[in-house]
N, C-alpha and C. Protein backbone atom coordinates (compact mmCIF):
# COMPACT_ATOMS: atom_id res chain seq x y z
N UNK A 1 33.74 20.22 -13.58
CA UNK A 1 32.87 19.18 -13.03
C UNK A 1 33.00 19.13 -11.52
N UNK A 2 34.21 19.41 -10.99
CA UNK A 2 34.41 19.36 -9.56
C UNK A 2 33.62 20.44 -8.84
N UNK A 3 33.40 21.56 -9.52
CA UNK A 3 32.70 22.66 -8.86
C UNK A 3 31.24 22.35 -8.62
N UNK A 4 30.62 21.48 -9.43
CA UNK A 4 29.21 21.19 -9.25
C UNK A 4 28.99 19.98 -8.36
N UNK A 5 30.08 19.36 -7.91
CA UNK A 5 29.96 18.16 -7.09
C UNK A 5 29.12 18.36 -5.83
N UNK A 6 29.32 19.47 -5.07
CA UNK A 6 28.50 19.63 -3.85
C UNK A 6 27.01 19.65 -4.15
N UNK A 7 26.60 20.28 -5.25
CA UNK A 7 25.18 20.34 -5.58
C UNK A 7 24.65 18.96 -5.92
N UNK A 8 25.46 18.18 -6.66
CA UNK A 8 25.05 16.82 -6.99
C UNK A 8 24.94 15.97 -5.74
N UNK A 9 25.89 16.16 -4.82
CA UNK A 9 25.89 15.41 -3.58
C UNK A 9 24.66 15.71 -2.75
N UNK A 10 24.31 16.99 -2.62
CA UNK A 10 23.14 17.39 -1.85
C UNK A 10 21.88 16.78 -2.45
N UNK A 11 21.80 16.77 -3.79
CA UNK A 11 20.63 16.20 -4.45
C UNK A 11 20.48 14.73 -4.14
N UNK A 12 21.60 13.99 -4.15
CA UNK A 12 21.54 12.57 -3.87
C UNK A 12 21.12 12.29 -2.43
N UNK A 13 21.55 13.12 -1.52
CA UNK A 13 21.22 12.91 -0.11
C UNK A 13 19.75 13.07 0.16
N UNK A 14 19.06 13.83 -0.70
CA UNK A 14 17.64 14.09 -0.46
C UNK A 14 16.73 13.32 -1.40
N UNK A 15 17.27 12.32 -2.13
CA UNK A 15 16.44 11.47 -2.96
C UNK A 15 15.75 10.45 -2.06
N UNK A 16 14.41 10.42 -2.01
CA UNK A 16 13.72 9.49 -1.13
C UNK A 16 13.80 8.06 -1.65
N UNK A 17 13.76 7.10 -0.74
CA UNK A 17 13.70 5.71 -1.13
C UNK A 17 12.25 5.36 -1.45
N UNK A 18 11.97 5.08 -2.70
CA UNK A 18 10.61 4.81 -3.15
C UNK A 18 10.41 3.30 -3.26
N UNK A 19 9.43 2.78 -2.58
CA UNK A 19 9.12 1.37 -2.65
C UNK A 19 7.80 1.20 -3.37
N UNK A 20 7.74 0.25 -4.26
CA UNK A 20 6.59 0.08 -5.12
C UNK A 20 5.39 -0.48 -4.37
N UNK A 21 4.22 -0.01 -4.75
CA UNK A 21 2.97 -0.53 -4.23
C UNK A 21 2.64 -1.80 -5.01
N UNK A 22 2.42 -2.90 -4.32
CA UNK A 22 2.14 -4.17 -4.98
C UNK A 22 0.71 -4.26 -5.52
N UNK A 23 -0.18 -3.43 -5.00
CA UNK A 23 -1.58 -3.50 -5.41
C UNK A 23 -1.78 -2.82 -6.77
N UNK A 24 -2.49 -3.49 -7.63
CA UNK A 24 -2.88 -2.91 -8.92
C UNK A 24 -4.24 -2.24 -8.77
N UNK A 25 -4.30 -0.97 -9.16
CA UNK A 25 -5.58 -0.26 -9.16
C UNK A 25 -6.22 -0.23 -7.78
N UNK A 26 -5.40 0.08 -6.77
CA UNK A 26 -5.90 0.10 -5.40
C UNK A 26 -6.91 1.18 -5.11
N UNK A 27 -6.92 2.23 -5.93
CA UNK A 27 -7.91 3.30 -5.76
C UNK A 27 -9.07 3.19 -6.72
N UNK A 28 -9.07 2.12 -7.53
CA UNK A 28 -10.15 1.84 -8.50
C UNK A 28 -10.32 2.97 -9.51
N UNK A 29 -9.22 3.69 -9.74
CA UNK A 29 -9.31 4.86 -10.61
C UNK A 29 -9.31 4.51 -12.09
N UNK A 30 -9.23 3.23 -12.43
CA UNK A 30 -9.45 2.83 -13.83
C UNK A 30 -10.95 2.87 -14.16
N UNK A 31 -11.76 2.99 -13.12
CA UNK A 31 -13.21 3.00 -13.33
C UNK A 31 -13.79 1.61 -13.46
N UNK A 32 -12.95 0.60 -13.20
CA UNK A 32 -13.42 -0.78 -13.21
C UNK A 32 -12.56 -1.59 -12.24
N UNK A 33 -12.67 -2.91 -12.33
CA UNK A 33 -11.94 -3.76 -11.39
C UNK A 33 -10.67 -4.36 -12.00
N UNK A 34 -10.00 -3.59 -12.83
CA UNK A 34 -8.72 -4.02 -13.37
C UNK A 34 -7.78 -4.42 -12.23
N UNK A 35 -7.20 -5.61 -12.32
CA UNK A 35 -6.29 -6.10 -11.30
C UNK A 35 -6.96 -6.90 -10.20
N UNK A 36 -8.28 -6.79 -10.11
CA UNK A 36 -9.01 -7.47 -9.04
C UNK A 36 -9.86 -8.62 -9.59
N UNK A 37 -10.15 -9.59 -8.74
CA UNK A 37 -11.18 -10.60 -9.01
C UNK A 37 -12.28 -10.35 -8.00
N UNK A 38 -13.52 -10.24 -8.47
CA UNK A 38 -14.58 -9.85 -7.55
C UNK A 38 -15.92 -10.45 -7.91
N UNK A 39 -16.79 -10.46 -6.92
CA UNK A 39 -18.19 -10.82 -7.10
C UNK A 39 -18.99 -10.07 -6.04
N UNK A 40 -20.05 -9.40 -6.45
CA UNK A 40 -20.90 -8.70 -5.50
C UNK A 40 -20.47 -7.28 -5.18
N UNK A 41 -19.41 -6.79 -5.82
CA UNK A 41 -18.96 -5.42 -5.62
C UNK A 41 -19.24 -4.60 -6.88
N UNK A 42 -19.29 -3.29 -6.73
CA UNK A 42 -19.50 -2.40 -7.87
C UNK A 42 -18.59 -1.18 -7.75
N UNK A 43 -18.34 -0.55 -8.88
CA UNK A 43 -17.57 0.69 -8.90
C UNK A 43 -18.52 1.86 -8.68
N UNK A 44 -18.19 2.72 -7.71
CA UNK A 44 -19.07 3.81 -7.31
C UNK A 44 -18.37 5.15 -7.52
N UNK A 45 -19.14 6.18 -7.83
CA UNK A 45 -18.59 7.53 -8.00
C UNK A 45 -19.17 8.52 -7.01
N UNK A 46 -20.07 8.08 -6.13
CA UNK A 46 -20.75 9.00 -5.23
C UNK A 46 -20.04 9.20 -3.90
N UNK A 47 -19.11 8.26 -3.57
CA UNK A 47 -18.53 8.35 -2.23
C UNK A 47 -17.07 7.89 -2.18
N UNK A 48 -16.20 8.43 -3.04
CA UNK A 48 -14.79 8.01 -2.98
C UNK A 48 -14.06 8.67 -1.82
N UNK A 49 -13.03 8.00 -1.32
CA UNK A 49 -12.16 8.62 -0.32
C UNK A 49 -11.25 9.63 -0.99
N UNK A 50 -10.78 9.30 -2.19
CA UNK A 50 -9.97 10.21 -3.00
C UNK A 50 -10.23 9.87 -4.46
N UNK A 51 -9.84 10.77 -5.34
CA UNK A 51 -10.07 10.53 -6.76
C UNK A 51 -11.54 10.56 -7.12
N UNK A 52 -11.91 9.73 -8.09
CA UNK A 52 -13.27 9.72 -8.62
C UNK A 52 -14.04 8.47 -8.22
N UNK A 53 -13.33 7.36 -8.01
CA UNK A 53 -14.01 6.08 -7.83
C UNK A 53 -13.67 5.41 -6.49
N UNK A 54 -14.56 4.52 -6.08
CA UNK A 54 -14.32 3.62 -4.96
C UNK A 54 -15.04 2.31 -5.27
N UNK A 55 -14.80 1.29 -4.47
CA UNK A 55 -15.51 0.03 -4.61
C UNK A 55 -16.54 -0.07 -3.50
N UNK A 56 -17.75 -0.51 -3.83
CA UNK A 56 -18.82 -0.60 -2.84
C UNK A 56 -19.57 -1.91 -2.99
N UNK A 57 -20.17 -2.33 -1.89
CA UNK A 57 -21.05 -3.50 -1.93
C UNK A 57 -22.29 -3.24 -1.09
N UNK A 58 -23.42 -3.70 -1.61
CA UNK A 58 -24.68 -3.61 -0.88
C UNK A 58 -25.22 -5.00 -0.57
N UNK A 59 -24.32 -5.98 -0.56
CA UNK A 59 -24.72 -7.35 -0.29
C UNK A 59 -25.34 -7.44 1.12
N UNK A 60 -26.45 -8.13 1.23
CA UNK A 60 -27.18 -8.20 2.49
C UNK A 60 -27.29 -9.64 2.98
N UNK A 61 -26.86 -9.86 4.22
CA UNK A 61 -26.98 -11.19 4.80
C UNK A 61 -25.64 -11.75 5.22
N UNK A 62 -25.68 -12.70 6.15
CA UNK A 62 -24.46 -13.27 6.70
C UNK A 62 -23.63 -14.00 5.65
N UNK A 63 -24.28 -14.53 4.63
CA UNK A 63 -23.56 -15.27 3.59
C UNK A 63 -22.58 -14.38 2.82
N UNK A 64 -22.81 -13.06 2.86
CA UNK A 64 -21.96 -12.13 2.10
C UNK A 64 -20.50 -12.21 2.53
N UNK A 65 -20.28 -12.46 3.80
CA UNK A 65 -18.91 -12.51 4.33
C UNK A 65 -18.54 -13.90 4.84
N UNK A 66 -19.24 -14.91 4.35
CA UNK A 66 -18.93 -16.28 4.70
C UNK A 66 -17.96 -16.84 3.67
N UNK A 67 -16.75 -17.15 4.11
CA UNK A 67 -15.72 -17.65 3.20
C UNK A 67 -16.17 -18.95 2.55
N UNK A 68 -16.08 -19.00 1.24
CA UNK A 68 -16.45 -20.20 0.51
C UNK A 68 -17.89 -20.25 0.07
N UNK A 69 -18.73 -19.34 0.56
CA UNK A 69 -20.12 -19.32 0.13
C UNK A 69 -20.18 -18.80 -1.31
N UNK A 70 -20.87 -19.50 -2.20
CA UNK A 70 -20.92 -19.07 -3.61
C UNK A 70 -21.60 -17.71 -3.82
N UNK A 71 -22.33 -17.26 -2.83
CA UNK A 71 -23.02 -15.98 -2.93
C UNK A 71 -22.32 -14.87 -2.14
N UNK A 72 -21.12 -15.13 -1.65
CA UNK A 72 -20.40 -14.12 -0.88
C UNK A 72 -19.98 -12.95 -1.76
N UNK A 73 -19.73 -11.83 -1.13
CA UNK A 73 -19.32 -10.61 -1.83
C UNK A 73 -17.82 -10.42 -1.59
N UNK A 74 -17.02 -10.86 -2.55
CA UNK A 74 -15.57 -10.86 -2.35
C UNK A 74 -14.85 -10.01 -3.39
N UNK A 75 -13.64 -9.62 -3.01
CA UNK A 75 -12.79 -8.78 -3.85
C UNK A 75 -11.35 -9.11 -3.47
N UNK A 76 -10.54 -9.61 -4.43
CA UNK A 76 -9.19 -10.01 -4.04
C UNK A 76 -8.19 -9.86 -5.17
N UNK A 77 -6.90 -9.89 -4.75
CA UNK A 77 -5.77 -9.92 -5.68
C UNK A 77 -4.76 -10.95 -5.19
N UNK A 78 -4.14 -11.66 -6.15
CA UNK A 78 -3.02 -12.54 -5.85
C UNK A 78 -1.74 -11.78 -6.19
N UNK A 79 -0.81 -11.73 -5.24
CA UNK A 79 0.36 -10.87 -5.35
C UNK A 79 1.65 -11.67 -5.23
N UNK A 80 2.67 -11.26 -5.98
CA UNK A 80 4.00 -11.88 -5.85
C UNK A 80 4.67 -11.31 -4.61
N UNK A 81 5.03 -12.18 -3.68
CA UNK A 81 5.65 -11.75 -2.42
C UNK A 81 6.91 -12.57 -2.14
N UNK A 82 7.65 -12.13 -1.14
CA UNK A 82 8.86 -12.82 -0.72
C UNK A 82 8.61 -13.49 0.63
N UNK A 83 8.94 -14.75 0.72
CA UNK A 83 8.70 -15.50 1.96
C UNK A 83 9.39 -14.82 3.14
N UNK A 84 8.65 -14.62 4.21
CA UNK A 84 9.11 -14.01 5.47
C UNK A 84 9.24 -12.49 5.39
N UNK A 85 8.99 -11.92 4.24
CA UNK A 85 9.06 -10.45 4.13
C UNK A 85 7.81 -9.83 4.76
N UNK A 86 7.99 -8.64 5.34
CA UNK A 86 6.89 -7.92 5.96
C UNK A 86 6.41 -6.79 5.04
N UNK A 87 5.11 -6.57 5.04
CA UNK A 87 4.50 -5.56 4.18
C UNK A 87 3.53 -4.71 5.00
N UNK A 88 3.44 -3.45 4.62
CA UNK A 88 2.48 -2.55 5.26
C UNK A 88 1.22 -2.51 4.40
N UNK A 89 0.14 -3.00 4.96
CA UNK A 89 -1.16 -2.97 4.29
C UNK A 89 -1.96 -1.79 4.81
N UNK A 90 -2.51 -1.01 3.90
CA UNK A 90 -3.32 0.14 4.29
C UNK A 90 -4.54 0.25 3.37
N UNK A 91 -5.66 0.64 3.94
CA UNK A 91 -6.85 0.88 3.12
C UNK A 91 -7.80 1.79 3.89
N UNK A 92 -8.73 2.39 3.17
CA UNK A 92 -9.75 3.26 3.75
C UNK A 92 -11.11 2.58 3.60
N UNK A 93 -11.93 2.63 4.65
CA UNK A 93 -13.22 1.96 4.63
C UNK A 93 -14.30 2.87 5.21
N UNK A 94 -15.52 2.73 4.69
CA UNK A 94 -16.67 3.50 5.13
C UNK A 94 -17.83 2.53 5.24
N UNK A 95 -18.35 2.36 6.45
CA UNK A 95 -19.36 1.34 6.69
C UNK A 95 -20.78 1.77 6.32
N UNK A 96 -20.96 3.02 5.85
CA UNK A 96 -22.28 3.46 5.40
C UNK A 96 -23.23 3.78 6.54
N UNK A 97 -24.49 3.91 6.18
CA UNK A 97 -25.52 4.29 7.15
C UNK A 97 -26.06 3.07 7.89
N UNK A 98 -26.49 3.29 9.14
CA UNK A 98 -27.08 2.24 9.97
C UNK A 98 -26.19 1.00 10.02
N UNK A 99 -24.89 1.24 10.14
CA UNK A 99 -23.92 0.16 10.07
C UNK A 99 -24.03 -0.85 11.20
N UNK A 100 -24.51 -0.42 12.36
CA UNK A 100 -24.60 -1.33 13.50
C UNK A 100 -25.74 -2.33 13.36
N UNK A 101 -26.56 -2.17 12.32
CA UNK A 101 -27.70 -3.07 12.13
C UNK A 101 -27.44 -4.14 11.07
N UNK A 102 -26.18 -4.32 10.75
CA UNK A 102 -25.84 -5.38 9.79
C UNK A 102 -24.82 -4.94 8.77
N UNK A 103 -23.55 -4.86 9.17
CA UNK A 103 -22.49 -4.51 8.23
C UNK A 103 -21.22 -5.25 8.63
N UNK A 104 -20.34 -5.48 7.68
CA UNK A 104 -19.09 -6.17 7.99
C UNK A 104 -18.10 -5.99 6.84
N UNK A 105 -16.84 -5.85 7.22
CA UNK A 105 -15.74 -5.91 6.26
C UNK A 105 -14.72 -6.88 6.83
N UNK A 106 -14.59 -8.02 6.18
CA UNK A 106 -13.67 -9.06 6.60
C UNK A 106 -12.47 -9.04 5.66
N UNK A 107 -11.27 -8.90 6.23
CA UNK A 107 -10.05 -8.81 5.44
C UNK A 107 -9.18 -10.03 5.72
N UNK A 108 -8.79 -10.73 4.65
CA UNK A 108 -8.02 -11.96 4.76
C UNK A 108 -6.70 -11.84 4.01
N UNK A 109 -5.71 -12.61 4.46
CA UNK A 109 -4.37 -12.55 3.86
C UNK A 109 -3.69 -13.91 4.01
N UNK A 110 -2.90 -14.27 3.00
CA UNK A 110 -2.10 -15.48 3.15
C UNK A 110 -1.86 -16.21 1.85
N UNK A 111 -1.36 -17.42 1.99
CA UNK A 111 -1.04 -18.27 0.85
C UNK A 111 -2.34 -18.78 0.23
N UNK A 112 -2.61 -18.45 -1.04
CA UNK A 112 -3.87 -18.89 -1.66
C UNK A 112 -3.95 -20.40 -1.83
N UNK A 113 -2.81 -21.10 -1.73
CA UNK A 113 -2.80 -22.55 -1.87
C UNK A 113 -2.90 -23.27 -0.53
N UNK A 114 -2.91 -22.51 0.55
CA UNK A 114 -3.04 -23.09 1.89
C UNK A 114 -4.52 -23.42 2.15
N UNK A 115 -4.80 -24.22 3.18
CA UNK A 115 -6.20 -24.58 3.47
C UNK A 115 -7.09 -23.36 3.72
N UNK A 116 -6.54 -22.29 4.27
CA UNK A 116 -7.35 -21.10 4.53
C UNK A 116 -6.48 -19.87 4.74
N UNK A 117 -7.06 -18.71 4.49
CA UNK A 117 -6.35 -17.46 4.70
C UNK A 117 -6.49 -17.02 6.16
N UNK A 118 -5.59 -16.15 6.56
CA UNK A 118 -5.60 -15.63 7.93
C UNK A 118 -6.43 -14.35 7.99
N UNK A 119 -7.21 -14.19 9.04
CA UNK A 119 -7.99 -12.96 9.21
C UNK A 119 -7.09 -11.83 9.66
N UNK A 120 -7.06 -10.76 8.89
CA UNK A 120 -6.29 -9.56 9.25
C UNK A 120 -7.11 -8.70 10.20
N UNK A 121 -8.36 -8.47 9.85
CA UNK A 121 -9.26 -7.69 10.69
C UNK A 121 -10.69 -8.01 10.27
N UNK A 122 -11.62 -7.93 11.21
CA UNK A 122 -13.03 -8.17 10.93
C UNK A 122 -13.84 -7.04 11.56
N UNK A 123 -14.26 -6.09 10.72
CA UNK A 123 -15.07 -4.97 11.19
C UNK A 123 -16.54 -5.39 11.10
N UNK A 124 -17.09 -5.93 12.18
CA UNK A 124 -18.48 -6.36 12.22
C UNK A 124 -19.32 -5.32 12.95
N UNK A 125 -20.29 -4.74 12.25
CA UNK A 125 -21.19 -3.73 12.81
C UNK A 125 -20.43 -2.54 13.38
N UNK A 126 -19.35 -2.17 12.73
CA UNK A 126 -18.56 -1.01 13.15
C UNK A 126 -19.06 0.22 12.39
N UNK A 127 -19.47 1.22 13.14
CA UNK A 127 -20.01 2.44 12.54
C UNK A 127 -18.90 3.48 12.35
N UNK A 128 -18.64 3.87 11.12
CA UNK A 128 -17.62 4.89 10.84
C UNK A 128 -18.21 6.29 10.74
N UNK A 129 -19.46 6.43 11.16
CA UNK A 129 -20.14 7.73 11.21
C UNK A 129 -20.22 8.41 9.84
N UNK A 130 -20.39 7.61 8.81
CA UNK A 130 -20.58 8.16 7.47
C UNK A 130 -19.33 8.70 6.82
N UNK A 131 -18.16 8.37 7.35
CA UNK A 131 -16.91 8.87 6.76
C UNK A 131 -15.91 7.73 6.63
N UNK A 132 -14.86 8.00 5.90
CA UNK A 132 -13.81 7.01 5.72
C UNK A 132 -12.84 7.02 6.90
N UNK A 133 -12.43 5.83 7.31
CA UNK A 133 -11.37 5.67 8.29
C UNK A 133 -10.26 4.86 7.64
N UNK A 134 -9.02 5.10 8.06
CA UNK A 134 -7.89 4.36 7.52
C UNK A 134 -7.47 3.24 8.48
N UNK A 135 -7.18 2.09 7.91
CA UNK A 135 -6.66 0.98 8.70
C UNK A 135 -5.30 0.61 8.13
N UNK A 136 -4.31 0.48 9.01
CA UNK A 136 -2.95 0.12 8.61
C UNK A 136 -2.43 -0.98 9.50
N UNK A 137 -1.81 -1.98 8.90
CA UNK A 137 -1.30 -3.11 9.66
C UNK A 137 -0.11 -3.73 8.93
N UNK A 138 0.72 -4.45 9.66
CA UNK A 138 1.83 -5.19 9.06
C UNK A 138 1.42 -6.64 8.84
N UNK A 139 1.65 -7.13 7.62
CA UNK A 139 1.37 -8.54 7.31
C UNK A 139 2.67 -9.18 6.84
N UNK A 140 2.79 -10.48 7.04
CA UNK A 140 4.00 -11.22 6.68
C UNK A 140 3.66 -12.28 5.64
N UNK A 141 4.46 -12.36 4.60
CA UNK A 141 4.24 -13.35 3.55
C UNK A 141 4.80 -14.70 3.98
N UNK A 142 4.05 -15.75 3.70
CA UNK A 142 4.50 -17.11 4.02
C UNK A 142 4.78 -17.91 2.75
N UNK A 143 4.60 -17.28 1.60
CA UNK A 143 4.83 -17.97 0.33
C UNK A 143 5.18 -16.94 -0.74
N UNK A 144 5.55 -17.45 -1.91
CA UNK A 144 5.93 -16.57 -3.03
C UNK A 144 4.71 -15.92 -3.67
N UNK A 145 3.54 -16.38 -3.32
CA UNK A 145 2.30 -15.78 -3.79
C UNK A 145 1.38 -15.59 -2.60
N UNK A 146 0.84 -14.39 -2.44
CA UNK A 146 -0.06 -14.09 -1.32
C UNK A 146 -1.35 -13.49 -1.86
N UNK A 147 -2.43 -13.83 -1.20
CA UNK A 147 -3.74 -13.30 -1.60
C UNK A 147 -4.24 -12.32 -0.55
N UNK A 148 -4.70 -11.17 -1.02
CA UNK A 148 -5.35 -10.18 -0.17
C UNK A 148 -6.81 -10.14 -0.58
N UNK A 149 -7.70 -10.43 0.37
CA UNK A 149 -9.11 -10.54 0.04
C UNK A 149 -9.96 -9.71 0.99
N UNK A 150 -10.99 -9.06 0.43
CA UNK A 150 -11.98 -8.31 1.20
C UNK A 150 -13.35 -8.95 0.95
N UNK A 151 -14.08 -9.19 2.02
CA UNK A 151 -15.47 -9.62 1.91
C UNK A 151 -16.33 -8.57 2.61
N UNK A 152 -17.41 -8.15 1.94
CA UNK A 152 -18.20 -7.04 2.49
C UNK A 152 -19.69 -7.32 2.59
N UNK A 153 -20.30 -6.66 3.55
CA UNK A 153 -21.74 -6.78 3.79
C UNK A 153 -22.28 -5.45 4.30
N UNK A 154 -23.44 -5.05 3.79
CA UNK A 154 -24.16 -3.90 4.34
C UNK A 154 -25.64 -4.12 4.07
N UNK A 155 -26.37 -4.48 5.12
CA UNK A 155 -27.76 -4.89 4.95
C UNK A 155 -28.69 -3.75 4.57
N UNK A 156 -28.37 -2.51 4.96
CA UNK A 156 -29.30 -1.40 4.75
C UNK A 156 -28.74 -0.28 3.89
N UNK A 157 -27.47 -0.39 3.50
CA UNK A 157 -26.85 0.68 2.71
C UNK A 157 -25.72 0.08 1.88
N UNK A 158 -24.64 0.81 1.70
CA UNK A 158 -23.48 0.32 0.95
C UNK A 158 -22.21 0.47 1.79
N UNK A 159 -21.37 -0.54 1.69
CA UNK A 159 -20.05 -0.51 2.35
C UNK A 159 -19.03 -0.13 1.29
N UNK A 160 -18.15 0.84 1.61
CA UNK A 160 -17.21 1.37 0.63
C UNK A 160 -15.76 1.09 1.02
N UNK A 161 -14.95 0.83 -0.01
CA UNK A 161 -13.53 0.54 0.16
C UNK A 161 -12.75 1.37 -0.85
N UNK A 162 -11.59 1.93 -0.42
CA UNK A 162 -10.82 2.76 -1.34
C UNK A 162 -9.35 2.81 -0.91
N UNK A 163 -8.51 3.18 -1.87
CA UNK A 163 -7.08 3.46 -1.63
C UNK A 163 -6.36 2.34 -0.88
N UNK A 164 -6.42 1.14 -1.46
CA UNK A 164 -5.74 -0.02 -0.90
C UNK A 164 -4.28 -0.02 -1.36
N UNK A 165 -3.35 -0.16 -0.42
CA UNK A 165 -1.93 -0.22 -0.77
C UNK A 165 -1.26 -1.35 0.01
N UNK A 166 -0.21 -1.90 -0.58
CA UNK A 166 0.60 -2.93 0.08
C UNK A 166 2.05 -2.67 -0.31
N UNK A 167 2.87 -2.29 0.66
CA UNK A 167 4.24 -1.86 0.38
C UNK A 167 5.22 -2.61 1.26
N UNK A 168 6.29 -3.14 0.64
CA UNK A 168 7.31 -3.87 1.38
C UNK A 168 7.99 -2.94 2.38
N UNK A 169 8.22 -3.43 3.58
CA UNK A 169 8.84 -2.61 4.62
C UNK A 169 10.35 -2.54 4.49
N UNK A 170 10.94 -3.53 3.84
CA UNK A 170 12.39 -3.54 3.66
C UNK A 170 12.70 -3.76 2.19
N UNK A 171 13.82 -3.17 1.75
CA UNK A 171 14.23 -3.31 0.36
C UNK A 171 15.01 -4.60 0.17
N UNK A 172 14.71 -5.32 -0.92
CA UNK A 172 15.45 -6.54 -1.24
C UNK A 172 16.29 -6.36 -2.49
N UNK A 173 16.44 -5.11 -2.92
CA UNK A 173 17.14 -4.84 -4.18
C UNK A 173 18.64 -4.72 -3.99
N UNK A 174 19.08 -4.62 -2.72
CA UNK A 174 20.51 -4.45 -2.47
C UNK A 174 21.00 -3.06 -2.78
N UNK A 175 20.08 -2.09 -2.84
CA UNK A 175 20.47 -0.71 -3.12
C UNK A 175 21.28 -0.16 -1.97
N UNK A 176 22.32 0.63 -2.24
CA UNK A 176 23.16 1.16 -1.17
C UNK A 176 22.44 2.19 -0.34
N UNK A 177 22.81 2.28 0.92
CA UNK A 177 22.26 3.30 1.80
C UNK A 177 22.82 4.66 1.41
N UNK A 178 22.18 5.77 1.85
CA UNK A 178 22.66 7.11 1.49
C UNK A 178 24.13 7.33 1.81
N UNK A 179 24.62 6.79 2.95
CA UNK A 179 26.03 6.96 3.29
C UNK A 179 26.93 6.31 2.27
N UNK A 180 26.54 5.14 1.77
CA UNK A 180 27.32 4.46 0.75
C UNK A 180 27.29 5.24 -0.55
N UNK A 181 26.15 5.83 -0.86
CA UNK A 181 26.05 6.64 -2.08
C UNK A 181 27.00 7.81 -2.03
N UNK A 182 27.18 8.40 -0.84
CA UNK A 182 28.08 9.53 -0.69
C UNK A 182 29.50 9.14 -1.07
N UNK A 183 29.94 7.98 -0.59
CA UNK A 183 31.30 7.55 -0.88
C UNK A 183 31.48 7.20 -2.34
N UNK A 184 30.45 6.60 -2.94
CA UNK A 184 30.54 6.23 -4.34
C UNK A 184 30.65 7.47 -5.22
N UNK A 185 29.80 8.47 -4.94
CA UNK A 185 29.81 9.68 -5.75
C UNK A 185 31.11 10.44 -5.56
N UNK A 186 31.59 10.48 -4.31
CA UNK A 186 32.84 11.18 -4.05
C UNK A 186 33.99 10.55 -4.82
N UNK A 187 34.02 9.22 -4.86
CA UNK A 187 35.07 8.54 -5.59
C UNK A 187 34.97 8.78 -7.08
N UNK A 188 33.74 8.76 -7.60
CA UNK A 188 33.54 8.95 -9.03
C UNK A 188 33.94 10.35 -9.45
N UNK A 189 33.79 11.31 -8.57
CA UNK A 189 34.12 12.70 -8.92
C UNK A 189 35.61 12.97 -8.72
N UNK A 190 36.35 11.99 -8.19
CA UNK A 190 37.78 12.17 -8.00
C UNK A 190 38.10 13.01 -6.79
N UNK A 191 37.16 13.08 -5.84
CA UNK A 191 37.38 13.89 -4.65
C UNK A 191 37.50 12.99 -3.44
N UNK A 192 38.65 12.93 -2.82
CA UNK A 192 38.80 12.21 -1.56
C UNK A 192 38.20 13.05 -0.46
N UNK A 193 37.70 12.40 0.59
CA UNK A 193 37.10 13.16 1.69
C UNK A 193 38.12 14.09 2.34
N UNK A 194 39.39 13.69 2.31
CA UNK A 194 40.42 14.53 2.92
C UNK A 194 40.58 15.82 2.16
N UNK A 195 40.55 15.72 0.79
CA UNK A 195 40.67 16.92 -0.03
C UNK A 195 39.45 17.79 0.13
N UNK A 196 38.27 17.16 0.21
CA UNK A 196 37.04 17.91 0.34
C UNK A 196 37.02 18.70 1.64
N UNK A 197 37.58 18.14 2.71
CA UNK A 197 37.54 18.80 4.01
C UNK A 197 38.47 20.01 4.06
N UNK A 198 39.34 20.19 3.08
CA UNK A 198 40.26 21.32 3.09
C UNK A 198 39.60 22.61 2.65
N UNK A 199 38.37 22.50 2.18
CA UNK A 199 37.63 23.67 1.75
C UNK A 199 36.52 23.96 2.75
N UNK A 200 36.04 25.18 2.74
CA UNK A 200 34.95 25.54 3.63
C UNK A 200 33.68 24.84 3.20
N UNK A 201 32.98 24.20 4.13
CA UNK A 201 31.73 23.54 3.82
C UNK A 201 30.54 24.46 3.99
N UNK A 202 30.82 25.69 4.43
CA UNK A 202 29.70 26.62 4.62
C UNK A 202 29.16 27.12 3.30
N UNK A 203 30.02 27.36 2.34
CA UNK A 203 29.59 27.87 1.05
C UNK A 203 30.26 27.07 -0.06
N UNK A 204 29.83 25.80 -0.27
CA UNK A 204 30.50 24.95 -1.25
C UNK A 204 30.38 25.46 -2.68
N UNK A 205 29.42 26.36 -2.94
CA UNK A 205 29.27 26.86 -4.30
C UNK A 205 30.38 27.82 -4.69
N UNK A 206 31.26 28.21 -3.73
CA UNK A 206 32.34 29.13 -4.07
C UNK A 206 33.69 28.44 -4.10
N UNK A 207 33.73 27.14 -4.32
CA UNK A 207 35.00 26.43 -4.44
C UNK A 207 35.84 27.07 -5.57
N UNK A 208 37.08 27.32 -5.30
CA UNK A 208 37.98 27.88 -6.30
C UNK A 208 39.24 27.03 -6.38
N UNK A 209 39.84 26.93 -7.57
CA UNK A 209 41.07 26.19 -7.79
C UNK A 209 42.09 27.09 -8.47
């Protein structure tokens, strides 16, 4: 068992820290709005950023992106978050054709029980030249539940949204850092660092006893 320790150690050192995406169905690859609450949006297959599907809206008029308007075109999720924790929000957007003549993507974030959500970004009449652009920003949770909402408008075409992700920037699991893992594994294998250093580290696969 001692002879395979270096290989096990190397494997542990290169295990990436994987943080879960809080968004359900962020790429809309279920082919529907599973995980989302929406009105005025549709699932599209003609213009995805990746995969097969994207979400699109052809809502026309200022009311489409007016918060609280019963005819607005909204798409949102309520997410379990940690107060004061920071998250990386990322999504891809395509403003469609003739975007400067009436298009908007309004992105909101915050406590759904608060009087109002905070504007993350407001792309009003922004032309993406018929392609997807990525937007990435850091958002901070102020409550144990946070809402991420998109409101869309495209007066002459369709506005598309795809590949939405929300990932915590710091781990709250208390998992040990790679250096701590090294010491734990070394102890479990019965190898003190002093003993390990008595062998050549250039070719650990040739350890002999």
